[in-house]
Structure formats: C-alpha cells, structure tokens
Amino acid sequence: MLKNDIILRNVTKAYHQVPVLKHISFTFRAGGAYSLTAPSGTGKTTLLHLLMGLTAPDEGTISGIHNSKISAVFQEDRLLDGYTALQNIRFVTANRYTDAEILEKMALLLPKERFPRPVREFSGGMRRRLCILRALLVPADLYLMDEPFAGLDSHAKDAAVSLIREMTQNKTLILATHAAQDAAALRASALRLSFGSIHEDSDAVCGQCHSF
C-alpha cells in the first residue's frame, strides 16, 4: 500500500485559460477508498490525470505519490483491438501470472465463449469489464478509475464492484463516477468535487443518492 497520504495543496489547473480546478486542497489517506462525483466537465478526469502525472498543476503541489506504482482505468478503453482479452492483459502483466490464473479472473467478469475472440468483437460493457480487470491485475499501490462502470448492466456492475473491493484491499482507490451510490457499493468515502473544493457528499452519506 501507499506509505504516505496523498496531499493536494492549493492545486489549480486551467486549459486555454479556462479554470478546471481551482485551489483544491485535500488529503487522500493511504489505503483508503474514495468515490468522487461531480457533474461532467467539472474536473474529475483532470484530477485523476494530475494524480497519474500525465499533466502538472498550474499552481499548488501534490505530494505522497512519488515512486508509487499506479494502475488506471481511463475513460477511453485503450485496448489492443486485434488481440484477445488474455493477450491484452499479458501486455501489462508479462509473466507475473499463469494463463490459468488470468483465465480464472476473466471468468468472473467475461463470458468464456468470448475468450478466443479479438476484443474488437466485444460489446462496450465487456470492454469496460476487461479494462477493470486489466488494471486490477497490475500490482500497484494506487488504483485510479475514471467512470469504470460506464455501459455496465446491474449484474455486470455488481461483479465488477465485488472484484474491485477484493483486489484493492489495503490499497488506495480513487474512483470518479457520475453515480453517488457507487460509494456505498464500494464501501468507499463519498466525495463531491464542486466550487473549487472536494468535500464529503452528504447526500450519499445519508442515503439520498443522486445521479448526474
């Protein structure tokens, strides 16, 4: 797990002089699980990209991540369409697992009849489930997931949530979602990004959940 908390201090980011994040300060505790909601276009993806190191803040600092191993589910699938699910996973895990070990995990999220097929033939929901599994099988200290449940029906989502909870125990998980109820499913702290701050989502905490 992460040895240190992730600390954001006065983090600001703008694109083309339009502010996306403004003076964000927050501490993600090491080993904690967090579900972050916000309306579209208010900075969830930008915040995750900052944590991944894919972009840098215009102002402020982010500490506690240096030399950490990070695994991510992006909004885009970023799959190798001409390859099978197993081959896509092998691309990021190399020989860390046996084929049998990977196939066992795949069977929890994907129909076995699809195993031999290239992922270009997968439905959108199957592609998202593969992205989740691929990220989870990368040994990491920090797991970042951007709308991982997009396109999943309730059964597929329940299976994905169960596997995420199992495989991120004692790891730091930060998930961006439109659905406030995802926090309860993941047993995660419910947070909302708005008005230049991250704060506890009281609607999710009290059970009055809303989707954006």
Protein backbone atom coordinates (compact mmCIF):
# COMPACT_ATOMS: atom_id res chain seq x y z
CA MET A 1 0.00 0.00 0.00
CA LEU A 2 0.99 3.65 -0.25
CA LYS A 3 3.29 4.56 2.62
CA ASN A 4 2.15 8.16 2.63
CA ASP A 5 -1.11 10.04 2.32
CA ILE A 6 -1.70 11.87 -0.97
CA ILE A 7 -1.85 15.57 -0.15
CA LEU A 8 -3.17 18.20 -2.55
CA ARG A 9 -2.34 21.76 -1.59
CA ASN A 10 -3.93 24.67 -3.46
CA VAL A 11 -3.98 22.73 -6.76
CA THR A 12 -5.16 24.75 -9.76
CA LYS A 13 -5.41 23.66 -13.41
CA ALA A 14 -6.71 25.52 -16.45
CA TYR A 15 -6.96 24.69 -20.14
CA HIS A 16 -6.80 27.53 -22.66
CA GLN A 17 -7.10 29.95 -19.73
CA VAL A 18 -10.37 28.34 -18.59
CA PRO A 19 -10.03 27.08 -14.98
CA VAL A 20 -11.00 23.44 -14.45
CA LEU A 21 -9.71 23.01 -10.89
CA LYS A 22 -9.31 26.00 -8.61
CA HIS A 23 -7.28 25.92 -5.39
CA ILE A 24 -8.09 22.30 -4.47
CA SER A 25 -6.75 21.13 -1.12
CA PHE A 26 -7.48 17.63 0.14
CA THR A 27 -5.83 14.60 1.75
CA PHE A 28 -6.44 11.06 0.46
CA ARG A 29 -5.44 8.73 3.26
CA ALA A 30 -3.11 5.85 2.42
CA GLY A 31 -5.07 2.63 1.99
CA GLY A 32 -8.42 4.45 1.73
CA ALA A 33 -11.14 4.03 -0.88
CA TYR A 34 -12.76 7.14 -2.35
CA SER A 35 -15.65 7.63 -4.76
CA LEU A 36 -15.62 11.09 -6.32
CA THR A 37 -18.71 12.50 -8.02
CA ALA A 38 -19.14 15.71 -9.99
CA PRO A 39 -21.12 16.91 -13.00
CA SER A 40 -19.44 16.40 -16.37
CA GLY A 41 -16.79 18.96 -17.19
CA THR A 42 -16.00 19.92 -13.61
CA GLY A 43 -12.59 18.35 -13.29
CA LYS A 44 -12.85 14.68 -12.28
CA THR A 45 -10.76 13.42 -15.18
CA THR A 46 -8.32 16.32 -14.85
CA LEU A 47 -7.80 15.49 -11.17
CA LEU A 48 -7.05 11.85 -12.00
CA HIS A 49 -4.62 12.88 -14.73
CA LEU A 50 -2.83 15.10 -12.23
CA LEU A 51 -2.55 12.17 -9.82
CA MET A 52 -1.24 9.95 -12.63
CA GLY A 53 1.40 12.54 -13.51
CA LEU A 54 0.06 12.88 -17.06
CA THR A 55 -0.25 16.63 -16.56
CA ALA A 56 1.06 19.08 -13.98
CA PRO A 57 -0.83 21.63 -11.89
CA ASP A 58 -0.53 25.27 -12.88
CA GLU A 59 -0.36 26.13 -9.20
CA GLY A 60 -0.06 24.15 -5.98
CA THR A 61 1.54 20.83 -5.11
CA ILE A 62 0.70 17.13 -4.95
CA SER A 63 2.77 15.05 -2.53
CA GLY A 64 2.82 11.43 -1.39
CA ILE A 65 2.81 9.76 -4.81
CA HIS A 66 6.49 9.92 -5.76
CA ASN A 67 7.84 6.46 -6.66
CA SER A 68 4.41 4.87 -6.17
CA LYS A 69 3.10 2.20 -8.54
CA ILE A 70 -0.12 3.40 -10.19
CA SER A 71 -2.65 1.43 -12.21
CA ALA A 72 -5.53 3.11 -14.02
CA VAL A 73 -8.82 2.65 -15.82
CA PHE A 74 -9.17 5.54 -18.27
CA GLN A 75 -12.42 6.91 -19.70
CA GLU A 76 -11.26 5.50 -23.03
CA ASP A 77 -10.82 1.74 -23.20
CA ARG A 78 -7.28 1.86 -24.67
CA LEU A 79 -7.40 -1.81 -25.65
CA LEU A 80 -5.49 -3.62 -28.38
CA ASP A 81 -8.47 -4.38 -30.59
CA GLY A 82 -6.86 -7.11 -32.69
CA TYR A 83 -5.86 -9.18 -29.66
CA THR A 84 -7.75 -11.41 -27.22
CA ALA A 85 -8.59 -10.41 -23.66
CA LEU A 86 -5.80 -12.65 -22.36
CA GLN A 87 -3.29 -11.03 -24.71
CA ASN A 88 -4.40 -7.56 -23.64
CA ILE A 89 -3.82 -8.48 -20.01
CA ARG A 90 -0.48 -10.14 -20.78
CA PHE A 91 0.65 -6.88 -22.41
CA VAL A 92 0.66 -5.16 -18.99
CA THR A 93 1.37 -8.11 -16.66
CA ALA A 94 4.01 -10.01 -18.69
CA ASN A 95 4.68 -13.35 -16.95
CA ARG A 96 3.50 -12.40 -13.48
CA TYR A 97 0.55 -14.80 -13.71
CA THR A 98 -0.05 -18.14 -15.38
CA ASP A 99 -2.65 -18.36 -18.12
CA ALA A 100 -4.84 -20.36 -15.75
CA GLU A 101 -4.72 -17.63 -13.11
CA ILE A 102 -5.70 -14.93 -15.60
CA LEU A 103 -8.45 -17.04 -17.14
CA GLU A 104 -9.88 -17.71 -13.69
CA LYS A 105 -10.19 -13.97 -13.06
CA MET A 106 -11.53 -13.34 -16.56
CA ALA A 107 -14.33 -15.82 -15.95
CA LEU A 108 -15.59 -13.62 -13.10
CA LEU A 109 -16.31 -10.74 -15.47
CA LEU A 110 -16.43 -12.06 -19.05
CA PRO A 111 -18.33 -14.85 -20.87
CA LYS A 112 -15.98 -17.74 -21.62
CA GLU A 113 -17.15 -18.05 -25.21
CA ARG A 114 -15.56 -14.66 -25.85
CA PHE A 115 -12.11 -15.66 -24.61
CA PRO A 116 -10.75 -16.71 -28.04
CA ARG A 117 -12.19 -13.67 -29.84
CA PRO A 118 -10.38 -10.37 -30.52
CA VAL A 119 -11.68 -7.60 -28.26
CA ARG A 120 -12.88 -5.59 -31.28
CA GLU A 121 -15.82 -8.01 -31.21
CA PHE A 122 -16.65 -7.27 -27.57
CA SER A 123 -19.63 -5.16 -26.55
CA GLY A 124 -18.98 -1.84 -24.84
CA GLY A 125 -19.77 -3.34 -21.44
CA MET A 126 -17.41 -6.28 -21.95
CA ARG A 127 -14.65 -3.89 -22.98
CA ARG A 128 -15.11 -1.89 -19.78
CA ARG A 129 -15.00 -5.05 -17.68
CA LEU A 130 -11.77 -6.06 -19.39
CA CYS A 131 -10.31 -2.62 -18.67
CA ILE A 132 -11.18 -3.01 -14.99
CA LEU A 133 -9.64 -6.48 -14.79
CA ARG A 134 -6.52 -5.41 -16.67
CA ALA A 135 -5.96 -2.56 -14.20
CA LEU A 136 -6.60 -4.75 -11.15
CA LEU A 137 -4.07 -7.37 -12.27
CA VAL A 138 -1.29 -4.78 -12.35
CA PRO A 139 0.34 -4.80 -8.89
CA ALA A 140 0.04 -1.20 -7.69
CA ASP A 141 -0.08 1.00 -4.63
CA LEU A 142 -2.71 3.32 -6.09
CA TYR A 143 -5.66 2.45 -8.33
CA LEU A 144 -7.32 5.29 -10.25
CA MET A 145 -10.54 4.58 -12.16
CA ASP A 146 -12.37 7.04 -14.40
CA GLU A 147 -16.03 6.07 -14.95
CA PRO A 148 -15.19 2.34 -14.90
CA PHE A 149 -18.85 1.23 -14.83
CA ALA A 150 -19.97 3.08 -17.96
CA GLY A 151 -22.15 0.79 -20.07
CA LEU A 152 -22.44 -1.98 -17.46
CA ASP A 153 -25.79 -3.51 -16.55
CA SER A 154 -26.58 -4.12 -12.89
CA HIS A 155 -25.34 -7.73 -12.87
CA ALA A 156 -22.04 -6.89 -14.57
CA LYS A 157 -21.55 -3.88 -12.32
CA ASP A 158 -22.13 -5.94 -9.17
CA ALA A 159 -19.49 -8.45 -10.32
CA ALA A 160 -17.02 -5.66 -11.11
CA VAL A 161 -17.62 -3.94 -7.77
CA SER A 162 -17.05 -7.21 -5.91
CA LEU A 163 -13.75 -7.81 -7.69
CA ILE A 164 -12.56 -4.23 -7.16
CA ARG A 165 -13.26 -4.48 -3.45
CA GLU A 166 -11.45 -7.83 -3.23
CA MET A 167 -8.36 -6.81 -5.20
CA THR A 168 -7.84 -3.30 -3.80
CA GLN A 169 -7.95 -4.20 -0.12
CA ASN A 170 -5.33 -2.18 1.78
CA LYS A 171 -4.57 -0.23 -1.40
CA THR A 172 -5.56 3.33 -2.18
CA LEU A 173 -8.50 3.54 -4.59
CA ILE A 174 -9.85 6.75 -6.12
CA LEU A 175 -12.78 6.31 -8.46
CA ALA A 176 -14.51 9.05 -10.47
CA THR A 177 -18.16 8.42 -11.22
CA HIS A 178 -21.45 10.12 -12.03
CA ALA A 179 -23.34 7.89 -9.58
CA ALA A 180 -23.16 8.84 -5.92
CA GLN A 181 -24.44 5.39 -4.89
CA ASP A 182 -21.21 3.80 -6.11
CA ALA A 183 -19.55 4.87 -2.85
CA ALA A 184 -21.82 2.63 -0.79
CA ALA A 185 -21.31 -0.32 -3.15
CA LEU A 186 -17.54 0.04 -2.89
CA ARG A 187 -17.61 0.85 0.84
CA ALA A 188 -15.73 4.00 -0.08
CA SER A 189 -15.75 7.53 1.26
CA ALA A 190 -18.24 9.56 -0.79
CA LEU A 191 -16.74 12.81 -2.05
CA ARG A 192 -18.02 15.56 -4.32
CA LEU A 193 -15.96 17.92 -6.42
CA SER A 194 -17.57 21.34 -6.76
CA PHE A 195 -16.94 25.06 -6.40
CA GLY A 196 -13.21 24.65 -6.18
CA SER A 197 -13.21 22.11 -3.35
CA ILE A 198 -13.51 18.43 -2.54
CA HIS A 199 -15.89 17.68 0.30
CA GLU A 200 -17.91 14.85 1.79
CA ASP A 201 -21.02 14.07 -0.24
CA SER A 202 -23.71 14.36 2.42
CA ASP A 203 -26.43 13.10 0.05
CA ALA A 204 -24.56 9.82 -0.47
CA VAL A 205 -23.75 9.50 3.23
CA CYS A 206 -27.38 9.88 4.27
CA GLY A 207 -28.60 7.57 1.52
CA GLN A 208 -30.29 10.24 -0.59
CA CYS A 209 -28.19 9.46 -3.65
CA HIS A 210 -28.49 11.24 -6.95
CA SER A 211 -27.01 10.55 -10.35
CA PHE A 212 -25.53 13.26 -12.51
